[in-house]
Amino acid sequence: MDDSAMVRRAARRILEELGLAVREAEDGAQALAACRASLPDAVLLDWNMPGMDGMAFLRQARAEFGPGRPVVVLCTAESALARIVEALEAGAQEYVMKPFDAEILGGKLARLGLVAPPGGGA
C-alpha cells in the first residue's frame, strides 16, 4: 500500500515477478478494508500516506488480526533509527528503505519465507 501510483506500479512489477498475487491500496483505510475482506499473507506498507497512515494501519491490523498475520514489510523513506524501532515494536516484521529494487525487496521477502531465496536455494 502506498499513496504514490508510481511506487505501487514498481512494487507490483517486482512482486509479480517474484510470483506473488498483488492487490493495491492507496491508504491505510483501503488496505484495512481489503484485509478484512480477504487477509493476505503479507502487506508492503508505506509509512506516510494521507488519511490513515502506515503506522495507524499497522496498529489496527495487529489489534484485529494478531501479531503474525499478515506479515508487514514497512517500505518508506523514514530512516531515523527511532522510527525503525517504532515500526518493529508496533509489529512490522521487516523494514525496507525507499528507493528499493527487486534484489532488496526479494531478499527481505525470502528472509520472511514468502518467496524462494535468490538463486532458488533453500
N, C-alpha and C. Protein backbone atom coordinates (compact mmCIF):
# COMPACT_ATOMS: atom_id res chain seq x y z
N MET A 1 0.84 -1.16 0.00
CA MET A 1 0.00 0.00 0.00
C MET A 1 0.89 1.22 0.00
N ASP A 2 0.57 2.16 -0.88
CA ASP A 2 1.33 3.39 -1.00
C ASP A 2 0.43 4.41 -1.66
N ASP A 3 0.54 5.68 -1.28
CA ASP A 3 -0.29 6.70 -1.91
C ASP A 3 0.24 7.10 -3.28
N SER A 4 1.45 6.71 -3.63
CA SER A 4 2.03 7.02 -4.94
C SER A 4 1.75 5.90 -5.92
N ALA A 5 1.04 6.23 -7.01
CA ALA A 5 0.74 5.23 -8.04
C ALA A 5 2.03 4.70 -8.66
N MET A 6 3.04 5.55 -8.81
CA MET A 6 4.31 5.11 -9.40
C MET A 6 5.00 4.07 -8.51
N VAL A 7 5.02 4.31 -7.21
CA VAL A 7 5.64 3.35 -6.29
C VAL A 7 4.84 2.05 -6.29
N ARG A 8 3.51 2.14 -6.30
CA ARG A 8 2.69 0.93 -6.33
C ARG A 8 2.95 0.13 -7.60
N ARG A 9 3.09 0.81 -8.73
CA ARG A 9 3.36 0.12 -10.00
C ARG A 9 4.70 -0.61 -9.94
N ALA A 10 5.72 0.07 -9.43
CA ALA A 10 7.06 -0.55 -9.33
C ALA A 10 7.02 -1.75 -8.39
N ALA A 11 6.37 -1.60 -7.24
CA ALA A 11 6.28 -2.70 -6.28
C ALA A 11 5.49 -3.86 -6.88
N ARG A 12 4.39 -3.56 -7.58
CA ARG A 12 3.58 -4.61 -8.21
C ARG A 12 4.43 -5.42 -9.18
N ARG A 13 5.19 -4.71 -10.02
CA ARG A 13 6.03 -5.41 -11.01
C ARG A 13 7.01 -6.35 -10.31
N ILE A 14 7.68 -5.86 -9.29
CA ILE A 14 8.65 -6.68 -8.55
C ILE A 14 7.95 -7.88 -7.91
N LEU A 15 6.85 -7.64 -7.22
CA LEU A 15 6.16 -8.71 -6.51
C LEU A 15 5.60 -9.76 -7.47
N GLU A 16 5.04 -9.31 -8.59
CA GLU A 16 4.52 -10.27 -9.56
C GLU A 16 5.64 -11.09 -10.20
N GLU A 17 6.80 -10.46 -10.44
CA GLU A 17 7.95 -11.20 -10.97
C GLU A 17 8.43 -12.25 -9.97
N LEU A 18 8.18 -12.01 -8.68
CA LEU A 18 8.53 -12.99 -7.64
C LEU A 18 7.45 -14.06 -7.48
N GLY A 19 6.39 -13.96 -8.28
CA GLY A 19 5.34 -14.97 -8.26
C GLY A 19 4.22 -14.71 -7.27
N LEU A 20 4.12 -13.48 -6.77
CA LEU A 20 3.09 -13.17 -5.77
C LEU A 20 1.88 -12.50 -6.42
N ALA A 21 0.70 -12.82 -5.91
CA ALA A 21 -0.52 -12.12 -6.32
C ALA A 21 -0.56 -10.79 -5.58
N VAL A 22 -1.01 -9.74 -6.25
CA VAL A 22 -0.94 -8.40 -5.68
C VAL A 22 -2.30 -7.71 -5.72
N ARG A 23 -2.66 -7.09 -4.60
CA ARG A 23 -3.79 -6.15 -4.53
C ARG A 23 -3.21 -4.83 -4.07
N GLU A 24 -3.73 -3.72 -4.58
CA GLU A 24 -3.21 -2.41 -4.23
C GLU A 24 -4.20 -1.63 -3.39
N ALA A 25 -3.66 -0.73 -2.56
CA ALA A 25 -4.47 0.22 -1.78
C ALA A 25 -3.71 1.53 -1.73
N GLU A 26 -4.46 2.63 -1.78
CA GLU A 26 -3.85 3.96 -1.76
C GLU A 26 -3.58 4.47 -0.35
N ASP A 27 -4.26 3.90 0.64
CA ASP A 27 -4.06 4.36 2.01
C ASP A 27 -4.41 3.24 2.98
N GLY A 28 -4.21 3.52 4.25
CA GLY A 28 -4.43 2.51 5.28
C GLY A 28 -5.87 2.05 5.38
N ALA A 29 -6.81 2.96 5.20
CA ALA A 29 -8.22 2.58 5.30
C ALA A 29 -8.60 1.59 4.20
N GLN A 30 -8.15 1.84 2.98
CA GLN A 30 -8.41 0.90 1.88
C GLN A 30 -7.75 -0.44 2.14
N ALA A 31 -6.54 -0.41 2.65
CA ALA A 31 -5.82 -1.65 2.92
C ALA A 31 -6.48 -2.44 4.04
N LEU A 32 -6.95 -1.76 5.06
CA LEU A 32 -7.62 -2.43 6.16
C LEU A 32 -8.92 -3.09 5.68
N ALA A 33 -9.66 -2.39 4.85
CA ALA A 33 -10.88 -2.96 4.28
C ALA A 33 -10.56 -4.19 3.44
N ALA A 34 -9.49 -4.13 2.65
CA ALA A 34 -9.09 -5.27 1.83
C ALA A 34 -8.67 -6.45 2.70
N CYS A 35 -7.97 -6.18 3.79
CA CYS A 35 -7.55 -7.24 4.71
C CYS A 35 -8.76 -7.89 5.39
N ARG A 36 -9.74 -7.08 5.74
CA ARG A 36 -10.95 -7.62 6.36
C ARG A 36 -11.70 -8.52 5.40
N ALA A 37 -11.68 -8.17 4.10
CA ALA A 37 -12.38 -8.97 3.10
C ALA A 37 -11.64 -10.28 2.82
N SER A 38 -10.32 -10.24 2.78
CA SER A 38 -9.51 -11.42 2.49
C SER A 38 -8.09 -11.15 2.97
N LEU A 39 -7.74 -11.73 4.12
CA LEU A 39 -6.45 -11.45 4.74
C LEU A 39 -5.30 -11.98 3.88
N PRO A 40 -4.39 -11.08 3.47
CA PRO A 40 -3.26 -11.53 2.65
C PRO A 40 -2.16 -12.14 3.52
N ASP A 41 -1.21 -12.79 2.87
CA ASP A 41 -0.05 -13.32 3.58
C ASP A 41 0.86 -12.19 4.03
N ALA A 42 0.93 -11.12 3.21
CA ALA A 42 1.86 -10.03 3.50
C ALA A 42 1.31 -8.70 3.01
N VAL A 43 1.80 -7.63 3.66
CA VAL A 43 1.47 -6.27 3.25
C VAL A 43 2.78 -5.50 3.13
N LEU A 44 2.99 -4.88 1.98
CA LEU A 44 4.10 -3.96 1.78
C LEU A 44 3.52 -2.58 2.09
N LEU A 45 4.00 -1.96 3.15
CA LEU A 45 3.32 -0.83 3.77
C LEU A 45 4.16 0.43 3.75
N ASP A 46 3.60 1.51 3.19
CA ASP A 46 4.24 2.82 3.25
C ASP A 46 3.89 3.48 4.58
N TRP A 47 4.80 4.24 5.12
CA TRP A 47 4.55 4.92 6.40
C TRP A 47 3.68 6.16 6.20
N ASN A 48 4.09 7.03 5.28
CA ASN A 48 3.46 8.34 5.11
C ASN A 48 2.42 8.33 4.00
N MET A 49 1.15 8.38 4.41
CA MET A 49 0.03 8.42 3.47
C MET A 49 -1.03 9.34 4.06
N PRO A 50 -1.86 9.91 3.18
CA PRO A 50 -2.96 10.73 3.70
C PRO A 50 -4.00 9.85 4.39
N GLY A 51 -4.81 10.45 5.24
CA GLY A 51 -5.83 9.67 5.93
C GLY A 51 -5.17 8.76 6.95
N MET A 52 -5.48 7.48 6.88
CA MET A 52 -4.87 6.50 7.78
C MET A 52 -3.47 6.19 7.29
N ASP A 53 -2.45 6.58 8.05
CA ASP A 53 -1.08 6.33 7.63
C ASP A 53 -0.67 4.88 7.94
N GLY A 54 0.54 4.56 7.58
CA GLY A 54 1.02 3.19 7.74
C GLY A 54 1.06 2.70 9.17
N MET A 55 1.47 3.56 10.09
CA MET A 55 1.54 3.14 11.48
C MET A 55 0.14 2.92 12.06
N ALA A 56 -0.82 3.77 11.70
CA ALA A 56 -2.19 3.57 12.17
C ALA A 56 -2.75 2.26 11.61
N PHE A 57 -2.46 1.98 10.33
CA PHE A 57 -2.88 0.71 9.75
C PHE A 57 -2.25 -0.45 10.50
N LEU A 58 -0.95 -0.37 10.74
CA LEU A 58 -0.22 -1.45 11.40
C LEU A 58 -0.80 -1.74 12.78
N ARG A 59 -1.02 -0.71 13.55
CA ARG A 59 -1.57 -0.91 14.90
C ARG A 59 -2.98 -1.51 14.85
N GLN A 60 -3.80 -1.04 13.92
CA GLN A 60 -5.16 -1.57 13.80
C GLN A 60 -5.13 -3.01 13.30
N ALA A 61 -4.27 -3.31 12.34
CA ALA A 61 -4.17 -4.67 11.82
C ALA A 61 -3.72 -5.64 12.91
N ARG A 62 -2.76 -5.23 13.72
CA ARG A 62 -2.30 -6.10 14.81
C ARG A 62 -3.41 -6.30 15.84
N ALA A 63 -4.19 -5.26 16.11
CA ALA A 63 -5.29 -5.37 17.07
C ALA A 63 -6.37 -6.33 16.55
N GLU A 64 -6.62 -6.28 15.24
CA GLU A 64 -7.69 -7.11 14.66
C GLU A 64 -7.24 -8.52 14.31
N PHE A 65 -6.04 -8.66 13.74
CA PHE A 65 -5.64 -9.95 13.17
C PHE A 65 -4.56 -10.67 13.96
N GLY A 66 -3.99 -10.02 14.96
CA GLY A 66 -2.95 -10.65 15.76
C GLY A 66 -1.56 -10.26 15.33
N PRO A 67 -0.55 -10.79 16.04
CA PRO A 67 0.82 -10.33 15.84
C PRO A 67 1.54 -10.87 14.60
N GLY A 68 1.05 -11.95 14.01
CA GLY A 68 1.84 -12.58 12.96
C GLY A 68 1.29 -12.46 11.56
N ARG A 69 0.01 -12.19 11.40
CA ARG A 69 -0.59 -12.12 10.08
C ARG A 69 -1.38 -10.85 9.94
N PRO A 70 -1.28 -10.20 8.82
CA PRO A 70 -0.34 -10.51 7.74
C PRO A 70 1.08 -10.08 8.12
N VAL A 71 2.05 -10.68 7.45
CA VAL A 71 3.43 -10.21 7.59
C VAL A 71 3.46 -8.78 7.04
N VAL A 72 4.09 -7.88 7.76
CA VAL A 72 4.15 -6.48 7.32
C VAL A 72 5.59 -6.07 7.09
N VAL A 73 5.84 -5.59 5.86
CA VAL A 73 7.13 -5.04 5.50
C VAL A 73 6.91 -3.54 5.31
N LEU A 74 7.44 -2.75 6.22
CA LEU A 74 7.32 -1.31 6.12
C LEU A 74 8.31 -0.83 5.07
N CYS A 75 7.83 -0.10 4.09
CA CYS A 75 8.65 0.34 2.97
C CYS A 75 8.51 1.85 2.87
N THR A 76 9.55 2.57 3.29
CA THR A 76 9.39 4.01 3.44
C THR A 76 10.72 4.75 3.36
N ALA A 77 10.64 6.05 3.27
CA ALA A 77 11.82 6.90 3.29
C ALA A 77 12.22 7.28 4.71
N GLU A 78 11.41 6.89 5.70
CA GLU A 78 11.73 7.18 7.10
C GLU A 78 12.99 6.40 7.48
N SER A 79 14.06 7.11 7.78
CA SER A 79 15.33 6.43 8.03
C SER A 79 15.86 6.57 9.45
N ALA A 80 15.22 7.37 10.27
CA ALA A 80 15.70 7.56 11.65
C ALA A 80 15.56 6.26 12.42
N LEU A 81 16.59 5.90 13.17
CA LEU A 81 16.59 4.66 13.93
C LEU A 81 15.37 4.57 14.85
N ALA A 82 14.99 5.66 15.47
CA ALA A 82 13.83 5.66 16.37
C ALA A 82 12.55 5.27 15.63
N ARG A 83 12.42 5.71 14.38
CA ARG A 83 11.23 5.38 13.59
C ARG A 83 11.24 3.89 13.21
N ILE A 84 12.40 3.37 12.88
CA ILE A 84 12.50 1.95 12.54
C ILE A 84 12.13 1.10 13.76
N VAL A 85 12.67 1.46 14.90
CA VAL A 85 12.35 0.75 16.15
C VAL A 85 10.86 0.84 16.43
N GLU A 86 10.27 2.02 16.25
CA GLU A 86 8.84 2.20 16.48
C GLU A 86 8.02 1.25 15.60
N ALA A 87 8.40 1.14 14.33
CA ALA A 87 7.67 0.26 13.41
C ALA A 87 7.80 -1.20 13.81
N LEU A 88 9.00 -1.61 14.17
CA LEU A 88 9.21 -3.01 14.56
C LEU A 88 8.49 -3.33 15.86
N GLU A 89 8.51 -2.40 16.80
CA GLU A 89 7.81 -2.61 18.06
C GLU A 89 6.29 -2.64 17.87
N ALA A 90 5.79 -1.93 16.85
CA ALA A 90 4.36 -1.92 16.57
C ALA A 90 3.91 -3.19 15.84
N GLY A 91 4.88 -3.99 15.36
CA GLY A 91 4.51 -5.26 14.76
C GLY A 91 4.96 -5.50 13.34
N ALA A 92 5.70 -4.57 12.75
CA ALA A 92 6.25 -4.83 11.42
C ALA A 92 7.34 -5.89 11.54
N GLN A 93 7.40 -6.81 10.58
CA GLN A 93 8.43 -7.84 10.62
C GLN A 93 9.72 -7.42 9.92
N GLU A 94 9.61 -6.49 8.97
CA GLU A 94 10.79 -6.03 8.22
C GLU A 94 10.61 -4.57 7.87
N TYR A 95 11.71 -3.96 7.43
CA TYR A 95 11.76 -2.55 7.11
C TYR A 95 12.61 -2.39 5.87
N VAL A 96 12.07 -1.76 4.83
CA VAL A 96 12.79 -1.55 3.57
C VAL A 96 12.82 -0.05 3.29
N MET A 97 14.00 0.47 3.01
CA MET A 97 14.14 1.89 2.69
C MET A 97 13.85 2.15 1.22
N LYS A 98 13.15 3.26 0.94
CA LYS A 98 12.98 3.72 -0.43
C LYS A 98 14.20 4.55 -0.80
N PRO A 99 14.67 4.50 -2.02
CA PRO A 99 14.14 3.64 -3.08
C PRO A 99 14.64 2.21 -2.91
N PHE A 100 13.83 1.27 -3.33
CA PHE A 100 14.19 -0.14 -3.23
C PHE A 100 14.20 -0.72 -4.64
N ASP A 101 14.78 -1.90 -4.76
CA ASP A 101 14.79 -2.59 -6.04
C ASP A 101 14.39 -4.05 -5.82
N ALA A 102 14.35 -4.82 -6.89
CA ALA A 102 13.91 -6.21 -6.81
C ALA A 102 14.82 -7.04 -5.91
N GLU A 103 16.12 -6.77 -5.95
CA GLU A 103 17.06 -7.54 -5.13
C GLU A 103 16.82 -7.30 -3.64
N ILE A 104 16.65 -6.04 -3.27
CA ILE A 104 16.43 -5.70 -1.86
C ILE A 104 15.10 -6.27 -1.37
N LEU A 105 14.03 -5.99 -2.12
CA LEU A 105 12.71 -6.45 -1.70
C LEU A 105 12.63 -7.97 -1.73
N GLY A 106 13.17 -8.59 -2.76
CA GLY A 106 13.16 -10.05 -2.85
C GLY A 106 13.93 -10.69 -1.71
N GLY A 107 15.06 -10.10 -1.33
CA GLY A 107 15.85 -10.63 -0.21
C GLY A 107 15.09 -10.57 1.10
N LYS A 108 14.40 -9.45 1.35
CA LYS A 108 13.60 -9.33 2.58
C LYS A 108 12.48 -10.36 2.59
N LEU A 109 11.78 -10.50 1.46
CA LEU A 109 10.66 -11.45 1.39
C LEU A 109 11.15 -12.89 1.51
N ALA A 110 12.33 -13.18 0.98
CA ALA A 110 12.89 -14.53 1.12
C ALA A 110 13.23 -14.80 2.58
N ARG A 111 13.81 -13.82 3.27
CA ARG A 111 14.12 -13.99 4.69
C ARG A 111 12.87 -14.26 5.52
N LEU A 112 11.76 -13.70 5.08
CA LEU A 112 10.49 -13.91 5.78
C LEU A 112 9.78 -15.20 5.35
N GLY A 113 10.36 -15.92 4.38
CA GLY A 113 9.77 -17.17 3.92
C GLY A 113 8.62 -17.00 2.96
N LEU A 114 8.49 -15.82 2.36
CA LEU A 114 7.36 -15.55 1.46
C LEU A 114 7.68 -15.87 0.00
N VAL A 115 8.96 -15.89 -0.35
CA VAL A 115 9.39 -16.25 -1.70
C VAL A 115 10.64 -17.10 -1.59
N ALA A 116 10.98 -17.78 -2.68
CA ALA A 116 12.21 -18.58 -2.70
C ALA A 116 13.42 -17.66 -2.60
N PRO A 117 14.46 -18.10 -1.91
CA PRO A 117 15.68 -17.29 -1.84
C PRO A 117 16.27 -17.07 -3.22
N PRO A 118 17.00 -15.97 -3.41
CA PRO A 118 17.66 -15.73 -4.71
C PRO A 118 18.50 -16.93 -5.08
N GLY A 119 18.44 -17.32 -6.33
CA GLY A 119 19.21 -18.47 -6.81
C GLY A 119 18.48 -19.78 -6.58
N GLY A 120 17.28 -19.73 -5.98
CA GLY A 120 16.47 -20.94 -5.80
C GLY A 120 16.91 -21.83 -4.69
N GLY A 121 17.90 -21.44 -3.87
CA GLY A 121 18.37 -22.27 -2.77
C GLY A 121 17.37 -22.33 -1.64
N ALA A 122 17.57 -23.29 -0.73
CA ALA A 122 16.61 -23.42 0.39
C ALA A 122 17.12 -22.74 1.63
